[in-house]
Amino acid sequence: MVIVFEDRLFQKKNGTFQRHGVYMDDYLKYNLDNFLIKGIEKGHDGIMLVTGLEGTGKSTFTQQLACYCDRDKQLSLDRIVFSGKDLMEAIDKAKPGQSLIFDEAIMDMSSQDFASQMQKILIKKFTLIRKKRLLIFIVIPTFFMLRKYFAIFRTRAMINCICTDGITRGTFRFYSFSKKKKLYLRGYKEMDMGVVKPDFRGKFVDTYGFFIDAEAYEDKKDEAIKKLTEDEDGTEIDKLKQAFEDYKLKLKIDVDGFKEKWKEKFAQLNATNKERLKEEQASNRLKLEELKQKSILNVKTKRAKKIDELEIDLSKLLCTFYEEYGRLTKINDPSIDFDIRKFQLLLKNSADFRYTSATLKKYITQGKALNSKIIK
């Protein structure tokens, strides 16, 4: 065990203060530091499962984990939620690097509710949260009550809280991504947690009320359960309002997905255009160099007619390059105004052609006239 939160003084249930910091299993700390927190920084998912039967201390332990992994080492009650709708609102409000706890997630994420609209909306929302680099801890009594999507593919690891003697809290089992997957596939039919050995076992200390006001937490939890168990019949107006709220929520998720999809498409298009621009520049360097060498040769041999022909070819070529570069530049960034000066700089950087702005303007104007005659 190692001490974390050494700079913080915690108060016990009886009102007395204990020493600075709390103990955390060193293997667990190593995994949180090197795989969860670092993974978030590198753009990976930060969704963890915390499971355990009622009374095993999983909610209290999760608060310690969430606070430790949070970017500011802080946790507030508004980031502990008990329903899918509240979770999605919390995700929208949360800042990058913050921790959220979806407590009693059985309310919205159990596999028995497979066809529910909330399940579908949650799946869509979870596909969009990676960019926010959030850490989400899903607290649920049993691993096997989750849908396969959440249990196997969308969570990085699982911590299972147990009471070894049926009474004493404070023991957990850690399952990595691969072990968690094997456990679900092998143990789902019989709901057997013993078919796969955990990566390691460890102890955790009781930190009830250390990170969140215990009474406020219990009140919020009771209110959430009360809403769940209330009569769902209600009036027609209430049903209509609820249906409208559900529709707005679904619409927002769909819009977010549409935006994300087009961001990716634009990024791909932008990358393609940049690559094409590089290829065009390389090809144009060769063509311009060839014209340059021919011009030098003809000047030396005093072949005036050939020089005039090369001037015409150069005008057409520069005009074509100018229009093509301008079009590609606009595709990459519509806010950029492509003009003679930018073209002059581009030629200077891509090939050793130091034309003045006036000369370039003359060539481009002449090239446009010649190209228009060809088209006619």
Protein backbone atom coordinates (compact mmCIF):
# COMPACT_ATOMS: atom_id res chain seq x y z
CA MET A 1 0.00 0.00 0.00
CA VAL A 2 1.16 3.54 -0.79
CA ILE A 3 -0.12 6.88 0.45
CA VAL A 4 -1.97 9.19 -1.95
CA PHE A 5 -3.48 12.65 -1.31
CA GLU A 6 -0.62 13.37 1.11
CA ASP A 7 -1.37 17.09 1.01
CA ARG A 8 -4.95 16.61 2.23
CA LEU A 9 -6.28 16.13 5.77
CA PHE A 10 -9.37 13.88 5.92
CA GLN A 11 -12.09 13.77 8.57
CA LYS A 12 -13.44 10.48 9.90
CA LYS A 13 -17.14 9.66 10.49
CA ASN A 14 -16.84 10.46 14.20
CA GLY A 15 -15.58 13.97 13.43
CA THR A 16 -11.93 13.37 14.28
CA PHE A 17 -9.20 13.95 11.73
CA GLN A 18 -6.86 11.21 10.56
CA ARG A 19 -3.37 11.61 9.19
CA HIS A 20 -2.76 13.28 5.84
CA GLY A 21 -3.56 11.12 2.81
CA VAL A 22 -5.15 7.70 2.36
CA TYR A 23 -3.71 4.32 1.48
CA MET A 24 -4.05 2.85 -2.03
CA ASP A 25 -2.89 -0.52 -3.31
CA ASP A 26 0.43 0.01 -5.10
CA TYR A 27 -0.38 -2.32 -8.03
CA LEU A 28 -3.66 -0.52 -8.52
CA LYS A 29 -1.96 2.88 -8.41
CA TYR A 30 0.58 1.72 -10.99
CA ASN A 31 -2.19 0.64 -13.38
CA LEU A 32 -4.17 3.85 -12.89
CA ASP A 33 -1.07 5.99 -13.49
CA ASN A 34 0.36 4.14 -16.47
CA PHE A 35 -2.64 2.77 -18.33
CA LEU A 36 -5.70 4.82 -17.45
CA ILE A 37 -4.40 8.37 -16.86
CA LYS A 38 -1.64 8.19 -19.50
CA GLY A 39 -4.04 6.51 -21.90
CA ILE A 40 -6.43 9.44 -21.57
CA GLU A 41 -3.60 11.89 -22.32
CA LYS A 42 -2.85 9.96 -25.52
CA GLY A 43 -6.48 9.99 -26.72
CA HIS A 44 -7.68 6.57 -25.50
CA ASP A 45 -10.94 5.84 -23.70
CA GLY A 46 -11.04 6.30 -19.95
CA ILE A 47 -14.10 4.25 -19.03
CA MET A 48 -13.70 1.94 -16.04
CA LEU A 49 -16.06 -0.60 -14.50
CA VAL A 50 -16.46 -0.96 -10.75
CA THR A 51 -18.65 -3.90 -9.77
CA GLY A 52 -19.69 -5.60 -6.55
CA LEU A 53 -22.73 -6.76 -4.63
CA GLU A 54 -24.67 -4.34 -2.47
CA GLY A 55 -22.68 -3.30 0.60
CA THR A 56 -19.21 -4.21 -0.67
CA GLY A 57 -18.11 -0.55 -0.62
CA LYS A 58 -17.89 -0.11 -4.38
CA SER A 59 -19.48 3.38 -4.44
CA THR A 60 -17.18 4.72 -1.74
CA PHE A 61 -14.13 3.13 -3.34
CA THR A 62 -15.11 4.55 -6.74
CA GLN A 63 -15.17 8.07 -5.30
CA GLN A 64 -11.55 7.59 -4.17
CA LEU A 65 -10.55 6.27 -7.62
CA ALA A 66 -12.36 9.06 -9.49
CA CYS A 67 -10.83 11.76 -7.31
CA TYR A 68 -7.34 10.31 -7.71
CA CYS A 69 -7.62 10.10 -11.51
CA ASP A 70 -9.19 13.55 -11.90
CA ARG A 71 -6.89 16.17 -13.41
CA ASP A 72 -7.35 18.44 -10.34
CA LYS A 73 -7.61 15.61 -7.78
CA GLN A 74 -11.09 16.92 -6.92
CA LEU A 75 -14.59 15.47 -7.17
CA SER A 76 -17.94 17.27 -6.85
CA LEU A 77 -21.42 15.89 -6.29
CA ASP A 78 -22.68 17.21 -9.64
CA ARG A 79 -20.28 14.80 -11.37
CA ILE A 80 -21.89 11.78 -9.69
CA VAL A 81 -25.03 10.79 -11.58
CA PHE A 82 -27.62 8.03 -11.36
CA SER A 83 -29.31 8.05 -14.78
CA GLY A 84 -28.31 8.02 -18.44
CA LYS A 85 -29.80 11.44 -19.08
CA ASP A 86 -27.91 13.00 -16.17
CA LEU A 87 -24.73 11.30 -17.38
CA MET A 88 -25.06 12.83 -20.85
CA GLU A 89 -25.63 16.29 -19.37
CA ALA A 90 -22.59 15.81 -17.11
CA ILE A 91 -20.47 14.74 -20.10
CA ASP A 92 -21.44 17.92 -21.97
CA LYS A 93 -20.57 20.13 -18.97
CA ALA A 94 -17.37 18.34 -17.91
CA LYS A 95 -13.95 19.73 -18.78
CA PRO A 96 -11.19 17.61 -20.36
CA GLY A 97 -9.45 15.40 -17.82
CA GLN A 98 -12.26 15.42 -15.27
CA SER A 99 -13.78 12.32 -13.67
CA LEU A 100 -17.46 11.34 -13.73
CA ILE A 101 -19.19 8.56 -11.81
CA PHE A 102 -22.24 6.79 -13.20
CA ASP A 103 -23.44 5.23 -9.93
CA GLU A 104 -26.11 2.55 -9.77
CA ALA A 105 -25.80 2.28 -13.56
CA ILE A 106 -28.12 -0.72 -13.47
CA MET A 107 -30.96 1.80 -13.86
CA ASP A 108 -30.09 2.50 -17.50
CA MET A 109 -27.44 0.03 -18.66
CA SER A 110 -28.68 -3.47 -17.81
CA SER A 111 -28.87 -6.00 -20.62
CA GLN A 112 -32.53 -6.69 -19.76
CA ASP A 113 -33.33 -3.23 -21.12
CA PHE A 114 -31.71 -4.19 -24.42
CA ALA A 115 -34.27 -2.54 -26.69
CA SER A 116 -34.77 0.67 -24.70
CA GLN A 117 -34.27 3.99 -26.44
CA MET A 118 -31.95 5.19 -23.67
CA GLN A 119 -29.57 2.30 -24.37
CA LYS A 120 -29.31 3.32 -28.02
CA ILE A 121 -28.74 6.96 -27.13
CA LEU A 122 -26.07 6.05 -24.54
CA ILE A 123 -24.18 3.99 -27.12
CA LYS A 124 -24.17 6.94 -29.53
CA LYS A 125 -23.02 9.30 -26.79
CA PHE A 126 -20.20 7.01 -25.68
CA THR A 127 -18.80 6.98 -29.22
CA LEU A 128 -18.28 10.77 -29.04
CA ILE A 129 -16.65 11.29 -25.63
CA ARG A 130 -13.06 10.29 -26.46
CA LYS A 131 -12.22 13.74 -27.79
CA LYS A 132 -13.10 15.25 -24.37
CA ARG A 133 -10.59 12.92 -22.63
CA LEU A 134 -12.98 12.19 -19.74
CA LEU A 135 -12.63 9.48 -17.11
CA ILE A 136 -15.96 7.75 -16.53
CA PHE A 137 -16.44 5.18 -13.76
CA ILE A 138 -19.47 2.94 -14.25
CA VAL A 139 -20.67 1.43 -10.96
CA ILE A 140 -22.91 -1.62 -11.27
CA PRO A 141 -23.68 -4.59 -8.98
CA THR A 142 -22.66 -7.31 -11.42
CA PHE A 143 -20.56 -7.35 -14.56
CA PHE A 144 -22.90 -9.75 -16.35
CA MET A 145 -25.86 -7.35 -16.27
CA LEU A 146 -24.10 -5.08 -18.76
CA ARG A 147 -24.58 -5.19 -22.50
CA LYS A 148 -21.70 -6.76 -24.40
CA TYR A 149 -20.78 -3.39 -25.96
CA PHE A 150 -20.10 -1.79 -22.57
CA ALA A 151 -18.81 -4.90 -20.81
CA ILE A 152 -16.23 -5.93 -23.41
CA PHE A 153 -15.47 -3.23 -25.92
CA ARG A 154 -16.08 0.16 -24.27
CA THR A 155 -14.42 -0.25 -20.87
CA ARG A 156 -10.66 -0.46 -20.27
CA ALA A 157 -10.64 -2.58 -17.12
CA MET A 158 -12.81 -3.75 -14.23
CA ILE A 159 -12.43 -3.57 -10.46
CA ASN A 160 -14.64 -6.06 -8.60
CA CYS A 161 -15.24 -5.28 -4.90
CA ILE A 162 -15.87 -8.28 -2.66
CA CYS A 163 -16.35 -9.23 1.00
CA THR A 164 -14.19 -12.32 1.43
CA ASP A 165 -16.04 -13.48 4.54
CA GLY A 166 -19.40 -12.08 3.48
CA ILE A 167 -19.15 -9.19 5.97
CA THR A 168 -15.80 -7.40 5.92
CA ARG A 169 -15.38 -4.78 3.18
CA GLY A 170 -12.08 -3.69 1.67
CA THR A 171 -10.98 -6.29 -0.90
CA PHE A 172 -11.00 -5.97 -4.68
CA ARG A 173 -10.04 -7.98 -7.75
CA PHE A 174 -8.59 -6.29 -10.84
CA TYR A 175 -9.36 -7.49 -14.38
CA SER A 176 -7.50 -6.00 -17.35
CA PHE A 177 -9.17 -5.51 -20.75
CA SER A 178 -8.24 -8.98 -22.02
CA LYS A 179 -9.13 -10.76 -18.75
CA LYS A 180 -12.43 -8.89 -18.59
CA LYS A 181 -13.30 -10.02 -22.10
CA LYS A 182 -12.53 -13.67 -21.30
CA LEU A 183 -14.55 -13.45 -18.09
CA TYR A 184 -17.63 -12.14 -19.90
CA LEU A 185 -17.46 -14.68 -22.73
CA ARG A 186 -16.75 -17.69 -20.49
CA GLY A 187 -18.78 -16.79 -17.43
CA TYR A 188 -21.89 -15.10 -18.83
CA LYS A 189 -24.02 -18.22 -19.19
CA GLU A 190 -23.59 -19.33 -15.56
CA MET A 191 -22.95 -15.81 -14.18
CA ASP A 192 -19.72 -17.25 -12.78
CA MET A 193 -16.96 -14.82 -11.75
CA GLY A 194 -14.61 -17.70 -10.97
CA VAL A 195 -14.00 -18.92 -14.52
CA VAL A 196 -11.11 -16.48 -15.03
CA LYS A 197 -8.49 -15.47 -12.48
CA PRO A 198 -8.01 -11.71 -11.95
CA ASP A 199 -4.73 -9.99 -12.82
CA PHE A 200 -4.25 -9.23 -9.12
CA ARG A 201 -6.08 -8.75 -5.84
CA GLY A 202 -5.75 -5.88 -3.41
CA LYS A 203 -7.12 -4.02 -0.40
CA PHE A 204 -8.80 -0.64 -0.15
CA VAL A 205 -9.53 1.52 2.90
CA ASP A 206 -12.85 2.98 3.98
CA THR A 207 -12.99 6.59 2.77
CA TYR A 208 -16.73 7.15 3.26
CA GLY A 209 -17.38 10.89 3.32
CA PHE A 210 -13.75 11.82 2.57
CA PHE A 211 -14.29 13.09 -0.97
CA ILE A 212 -18.05 13.82 -1.12
CA ASP A 213 -20.44 14.95 1.60
CA ALA A 214 -22.02 11.65 2.64
CA GLU A 215 -25.47 13.03 3.51
CA ALA A 216 -25.76 15.02 0.27
CA TYR A 217 -24.70 11.92 -1.69
CA GLU A 218 -27.31 9.72 0.01
CA ASP A 219 -30.03 12.33 -0.57
CA LYS A 220 -29.20 12.51 -4.28
CA LYS A 221 -29.17 8.73 -4.53
CA ASP A 222 -32.52 8.40 -2.75
CA GLU A 223 -34.05 11.00 -5.05
CA ALA A 224 -32.84 9.11 -8.13
CA ILE A 225 -34.27 5.81 -6.84
CA LYS A 226 -37.52 7.54 -5.94
CA LYS A 227 -37.91 8.82 -9.51
CA LEU A 228 -37.26 5.33 -10.83
CA THR A 229 -39.86 3.66 -8.59
CA GLU A 230 -42.60 6.30 -8.93
CA ASP A 231 -45.75 5.49 -10.89
CA GLU A 232 -44.89 5.99 -14.55
CA ASP A 233 -48.47 6.54 -15.74
CA GLY A 234 -48.67 10.31 -15.21
CA THR A 235 -50.85 12.65 -17.27
CA GLU A 236 -50.89 12.95 -21.04
CA ILE A 237 -49.19 16.35 -20.75
CA ASP A 238 -46.41 14.81 -18.67
CA LYS A 239 -45.94 12.02 -21.18
CA LEU A 240 -45.85 14.50 -24.04
CA LYS A 241 -43.25 16.65 -22.26
CA GLN A 242 -41.12 13.59 -21.54
CA ALA A 243 -41.38 12.39 -25.14
CA PHE A 244 -40.31 15.84 -26.33
CA GLU A 245 -37.31 15.86 -23.98
CA ASP A 246 -36.30 12.39 -25.19
CA TYR A 247 -36.60 13.56 -28.80
CA LYS A 248 -34.43 16.63 -28.14
CA LEU A 249 -31.81 14.44 -26.50
CA LYS A 250 -31.78 12.00 -29.41
CA LEU A 251 -31.62 14.87 -31.91
CA LYS A 252 -28.63 16.41 -30.11
CA ILE A 253 -26.76 13.09 -30.20
CA ASP A 254 -27.51 12.68 -33.92
CA VAL A 255 -26.30 16.23 -34.66
CA ASP A 256 -23.09 15.64 -32.69
CA GLY A 257 -22.51 12.45 -34.68
CA PHE A 258 -23.14 14.24 -37.97
CA LYS A 259 -20.63 16.97 -37.06
CA GLU A 260 -18.02 14.42 -36.05
CA LYS A 261 -18.51 12.47 -39.27
CA TRP A 262 -18.00 15.54 -41.46
CA LYS A 263 -15.00 16.68 -39.44
CA GLU A 264 -13.33 13.37 -40.27
CA LYS A 265 -14.30 13.65 -43.96
CA PHE A 266 -12.94 17.20 -44.17
CA ALA A 267 -9.69 16.13 -42.49
CA GLN A 268 -9.28 13.34 -45.06
CA LEU A 269 -10.06 15.71 -47.94
CA ASN A 270 -7.62 18.26 -46.56
CA ALA A 271 -4.86 15.63 -46.29
CA THR A 272 -5.56 14.45 -49.85
CA ASN A 273 -5.38 18.00 -51.22
CA LYS A 274 -2.11 18.71 -49.39
CA GLU A 275 -0.58 15.57 -50.85
CA ARG A 276 -1.83 16.50 -54.29
CA LEU A 277 -0.38 20.00 -53.92
CA LYS A 278 3.02 18.52 -53.08
CA GLU A 279 2.88 16.30 -56.16
CA GLU A 280 1.84 19.25 -58.33
CA GLN A 281 4.72 21.32 -56.97
CA ALA A 282 7.23 18.57 -57.73
CA SER A 283 5.87 18.16 -61.27
CA ASN A 284 5.81 21.91 -61.86
CA ARG A 285 9.40 22.30 -60.72
CA LEU A 286 10.48 19.87 -63.41
CA LYS A 287 8.43 21.62 -66.12
CA LEU A 288 9.67 25.07 -65.16
CA GLU A 289 13.25 23.90 -64.96
CA GLU A 290 12.95 22.39 -68.42
CA LEU A 291 11.61 25.69 -69.81
CA LYS A 292 14.35 27.58 -68.04
CA GLN A 293 17.08 25.42 -69.56
CA LYS A 294 15.56 25.72 -73.04
CA SER A 295 15.40 29.51 -72.65
CA ILE A 296 19.06 29.68 -71.66
CA LEU A 297 20.04 27.50 -74.63
CA ASN A 298 18.02 29.57 -77.09
CA VAL A 299 19.40 32.86 -75.76
CA LYS A 300 22.92 31.56 -76.25
CA THR A 301 22.17 30.46 -79.81
CA LYS A 302 20.17 33.66 -80.52
CA ARG A 303 17.13 31.74 -81.75
CA ALA A 304 14.55 34.51 -81.39
CA LYS A 305 11.60 32.52 -82.75
CA LYS A 306 12.17 29.66 -80.30
CA ILE A 307 12.48 32.17 -77.46
CA ASP A 308 9.08 33.65 -78.35
CA GLU A 309 7.55 30.17 -78.42
CA LEU A 310 8.99 29.40 -75.00
CA GLU A 311 7.60 32.69 -73.67
CA ILE A 312 4.13 31.59 -74.84
CA ASP A 313 4.53 28.13 -73.24
CA LEU A 314 5.76 29.74 -70.03
CA SER A 315 2.74 32.09 -69.93
CA LYS A 316 0.31 29.19 -70.39
CA LEU A 317 2.09 27.07 -67.81
CA LEU A 318 2.29 29.79 -65.16
CA CYS A 319 -1.37 30.69 -65.71
CA THR A 320 -2.39 27.05 -65.26
CA PHE A 321 -0.26 26.72 -62.11
CA TYR A 322 -1.66 29.92 -60.67
CA GLU A 323 -5.28 28.83 -61.12
CA GLU A 324 -4.64 25.30 -59.84
CA TYR A 325 -2.73 26.45 -56.73
CA GLY A 326 -5.44 29.02 -56.02
CA ARG A 327 -8.16 26.37 -56.21
CA LEU A 328 -6.32 23.91 -53.96
CA THR A 329 -5.51 26.65 -51.45
CA LYS A 330 -9.20 27.62 -51.23
CA ILE A 331 -10.19 23.99 -50.64
CA ASN A 332 -7.66 23.63 -47.82
CA ASP A 333 -8.59 26.93 -46.19
CA PRO A 334 -11.42 29.07 -47.68
CA SER A 335 -10.37 32.05 -45.55
CA ILE A 336 -7.05 32.45 -47.42
CA ASP A 337 -6.96 34.88 -50.36
CA PHE A 338 -4.55 33.51 -52.96
CA ASP A 339 -2.91 36.34 -54.93
CA ILE A 340 0.16 37.11 -57.07
CA ARG A 341 2.40 37.69 -54.05
CA LYS A 342 1.54 34.29 -52.51
CA PHE A 343 2.14 32.67 -55.91
CA GLN A 344 5.47 34.47 -56.18
CA LEU A 345 6.53 33.15 -52.77
CA LEU A 346 5.35 29.65 -53.67
CA LEU A 347 7.46 29.62 -56.85
CA LYS A 348 10.46 30.92 -54.96
CA ASN A 349 10.17 28.17 -52.33
CA SER A 350 9.32 25.29 -54.66
CA ALA A 351 11.80 26.17 -57.42
CA ASP A 352 14.48 28.76 -57.89
CA PHE A 353 12.35 31.16 -60.00
CA ARG A 354 12.55 34.71 -58.70
CA TYR A 355 10.00 36.54 -60.81
CA THR A 356 8.83 39.99 -59.79
CA SER A 357 5.10 40.48 -59.11
CA ALA A 358 4.78 42.59 -62.25
CA THR A 359 6.43 39.93 -64.43
CA LEU A 360 4.24 37.19 -62.99
CA LYS A 361 1.14 39.30 -63.49
CA LYS A 362 2.12 39.88 -67.13
CA TYR A 363 2.70 36.16 -67.76
CA ILE A 364 -0.59 35.13 -66.07
CA THR A 365 -2.62 37.74 -67.98
CA GLN A 366 -1.01 36.66 -71.25
CA GLY A 367 -1.59 32.99 -70.37
CA LYS A 368 -5.28 33.56 -69.65
CA ALA A 369 -5.71 35.20 -73.03
CA LEU A 370 -3.89 32.37 -74.81
CA ASN A 371 -5.80 29.64 -72.90
CA SER A 372 -9.14 31.30 -73.67
CA LYS A 373 -8.30 31.28 -77.40
CA ILE A 374 -7.50 27.58 -77.21
CA ILE A 375 -10.85 26.86 -75.50
CA LYS A 376 -12.75 28.82 -78.16
